[in-house]
Amino acid sequence: MSGRVAVRDGLWREDRDGTLTLVCGHCHECSKHHFPAMGNCPHCGAAGPAETHLGPAATLWAWTTVAVAPPGYEGPLPYDFGIVELAEGLRVVTVLEDCGPDSGVHFGDPMEMVLHDLHRDGDGRTVVTWAFRPR
């Protein structure tokens, strides 16, 4: 990402063909997924969940428009925010694109993962994160 920097390393990956996926964990004990990936399963506490990559397809589960910046947020307002459900059943809190009040989106609409520009850092680089938008 020349001139671009991830909001935090290790949250997503982009394959050579441009396909985006979230870097998740999959527990060998309880078989549940979690995001972001971590050293212990947040569901049962088992050590060493396997890294897995989920997405880029999802369905819209909940959404809203944020008009007041939360602490630490440096991007533009308003912005769309919500929850998507990945095919494996994992629900992820995410920035949304094109899901505002007049967008016509509905619960269960198909979504796709994209990279989303947040703001510029002190070095003039664009800080990016993952997001989902209607397919």
Protein backbone atom coordinates (compact mmCIF):
# COMPACT_ATOMS: atom_id res chain seq x y z
CA MET A 1 0.00 0.00 0.00
CA SER A 2 2.28 2.75 -1.24
CA GLY A 3 1.28 6.07 0.34
CA ARG A 4 -1.28 4.12 2.36
CA VAL A 5 -1.03 2.50 5.77
CA ALA A 6 -3.32 0.06 7.56
CA VAL A 7 -5.10 1.35 10.64
CA ARG A 8 -3.63 -1.75 12.34
CA ASP A 9 -1.54 -4.54 10.82
CA GLY A 10 -2.91 -8.06 10.73
CA LEU A 11 -6.65 -7.35 10.53
CA TRP A 12 -7.12 -8.24 6.86
CA ARG A 13 -5.18 -9.51 3.92
CA GLU A 14 -5.37 -8.87 0.22
CA ASP A 15 -4.57 -11.75 -2.13
CA ARG A 16 -2.68 -11.21 -5.38
CA ASP A 17 -5.99 -11.19 -7.26
CA GLY A 18 -7.25 -8.35 -5.03
CA THR A 19 -9.59 -10.52 -2.92
CA LEU A 20 -9.89 -9.17 0.62
CA THR A 21 -10.43 -11.34 3.69
CA LEU A 22 -10.47 -10.73 7.44
CA VAL A 23 -7.75 -12.46 9.48
CA CYS A 24 -9.76 -14.46 12.02
CA GLY A 25 -9.17 -17.20 14.53
CA HIS A 26 -10.81 -20.63 14.55
CA CYS A 27 -10.78 -22.57 17.82
CA HIS A 28 -9.83 -26.26 17.73
CA GLU A 29 -11.73 -26.85 21.01
CA CYS A 30 -15.13 -25.15 20.57
CA SER A 31 -15.01 -24.75 16.75
CA LYS A 32 -16.02 -21.08 16.92
CA HIS A 33 -14.55 -18.25 14.85
CA HIS A 34 -13.48 -14.90 16.27
CA PHE A 35 -12.21 -11.59 14.96
CA PRO A 36 -9.63 -10.28 15.28
CA ALA A 37 -7.39 -13.35 15.57
CA MET A 38 -5.82 -13.73 19.01
CA GLY A 39 -3.72 -16.20 20.98
CA ASN A 40 -6.58 -17.61 23.03
CA CYS A 41 -10.18 -18.30 22.06
CA PRO A 42 -12.43 -15.58 23.51
CA HIS A 43 -15.31 -18.09 23.69
CA CYS A 44 -13.74 -20.97 25.66
CA GLY A 45 -10.21 -19.79 26.54
CA ALA A 46 -8.38 -22.53 24.59
CA ALA A 47 -4.84 -21.65 23.55
CA GLY A 48 -3.65 -21.50 19.97
CA PRO A 49 -6.64 -20.99 17.70
CA ALA A 50 -5.77 -21.51 14.04
CA GLU A 51 -5.55 -18.47 11.78
CA THR A 52 -8.22 -18.49 9.11
CA HIS A 53 -9.35 -15.98 6.49
CA LEU A 54 -13.06 -15.17 6.19
CA GLY A 55 -14.99 -13.06 3.73
CA PRO A 56 -15.20 -11.14 1.49
CA ALA A 57 -18.95 -11.86 1.24
CA ALA A 58 -21.32 -11.10 4.11
CA THR A 59 -24.92 -10.13 4.82
CA LEU A 60 -26.09 -6.94 6.45
CA TRP A 61 -27.28 -7.55 10.00
CA ALA A 62 -27.57 -4.05 11.58
CA TRP A 63 -26.61 -0.50 10.58
CA THR A 64 -26.76 3.14 11.56
CA THR A 65 -25.24 6.46 10.63
CA VAL A 66 -22.79 8.04 13.08
CA ALA A 67 -23.02 11.84 13.23
CA VAL A 68 -20.83 12.56 16.30
CA ALA A 69 -17.21 11.40 16.31
CA PRO A 70 -16.28 8.81 18.94
CA PRO A 71 -13.07 9.44 20.94
CA GLY A 72 -9.99 9.11 18.73
CA TYR A 73 -11.87 9.11 15.43
CA GLU A 74 -10.21 11.39 12.85
CA GLY A 75 -12.24 10.68 9.73
CA PRO A 76 -15.12 12.50 8.07
CA LEU A 77 -18.64 12.71 9.47
CA PRO A 78 -21.23 11.36 9.11
CA TYR A 79 -20.24 7.76 8.39
CA ASP A 80 -22.11 4.47 8.19
CA PHE A 81 -21.41 1.79 10.79
CA GLY A 82 -22.90 -1.57 11.63
CA ILE A 83 -22.67 -5.33 11.81
CA VAL A 84 -22.31 -7.85 9.00
CA GLU A 85 -22.57 -11.61 9.26
CA LEU A 86 -19.99 -13.70 7.42
CA ALA A 87 -20.95 -17.02 5.83
CA GLU A 88 -19.50 -18.92 8.81
CA GLY A 89 -21.93 -17.13 11.15
CA LEU A 90 -19.40 -14.72 12.66
CA ARG A 91 -20.81 -11.22 13.12
CA VAL A 92 -18.31 -8.38 12.68
CA VAL A 93 -18.63 -4.74 13.71
CA THR A 94 -17.51 -2.65 10.75
CA VAL A 95 -17.51 0.61 8.90
CA LEU A 96 -20.09 0.45 6.12
CA GLU A 97 -20.18 2.25 2.80
CA ASP A 98 -23.35 3.31 1.00
CA CYS A 99 -25.70 2.30 3.84
CA GLY A 100 -26.98 5.72 4.91
CA PRO A 101 -30.60 6.62 5.66
CA ASP A 102 -31.54 7.06 1.99
CA SER A 103 -29.60 4.05 0.67
CA GLY A 104 -32.50 1.60 0.61
CA VAL A 105 -30.50 -1.21 2.24
CA HIS A 106 -32.32 -3.92 4.16
CA PHE A 107 -31.53 -6.57 6.76
CA GLY A 108 -30.00 -9.57 4.96
CA ASP A 109 -28.74 -7.66 1.93
CA PRO A 110 -25.54 -9.12 0.42
CA MET A 111 -22.38 -7.17 1.22
CA GLU A 112 -18.79 -7.25 0.01
CA MET A 113 -15.56 -6.35 1.76
CA VAL A 114 -13.63 -3.29 0.52
CA LEU A 115 -10.81 -1.09 1.76
CA HIS A 116 -11.97 2.24 3.16
CA ASP A 117 -9.94 5.44 3.50
CA LEU A 118 -10.20 6.84 7.04
CA HIS A 119 -7.95 9.90 7.19
CA ARG A 120 -4.39 11.12 6.56
CA ASP A 121 -1.72 10.54 9.18
CA GLY A 122 1.00 12.99 10.24
CA ASP A 123 3.22 11.79 7.39
CA GLY A 124 0.54 12.48 4.78
CA ARG A 125 -0.25 8.80 4.19
CA THR A 126 -3.85 7.63 3.83
CA VAL A 127 -4.90 5.44 6.76
CA VAL A 128 -7.16 2.61 5.55
CA THR A 129 -9.35 0.01 7.20
CA TRP A 130 -11.71 -2.72 6.05
CA ALA A 131 -15.35 -1.95 5.41
CA PHE A 132 -18.36 -3.59 3.78
CA ARG A 133 -20.70 -2.19 1.13
CA PRO A 134 -23.76 -3.51 -0.68
CA ARG A 135 -23.01 -5.89 -3.56
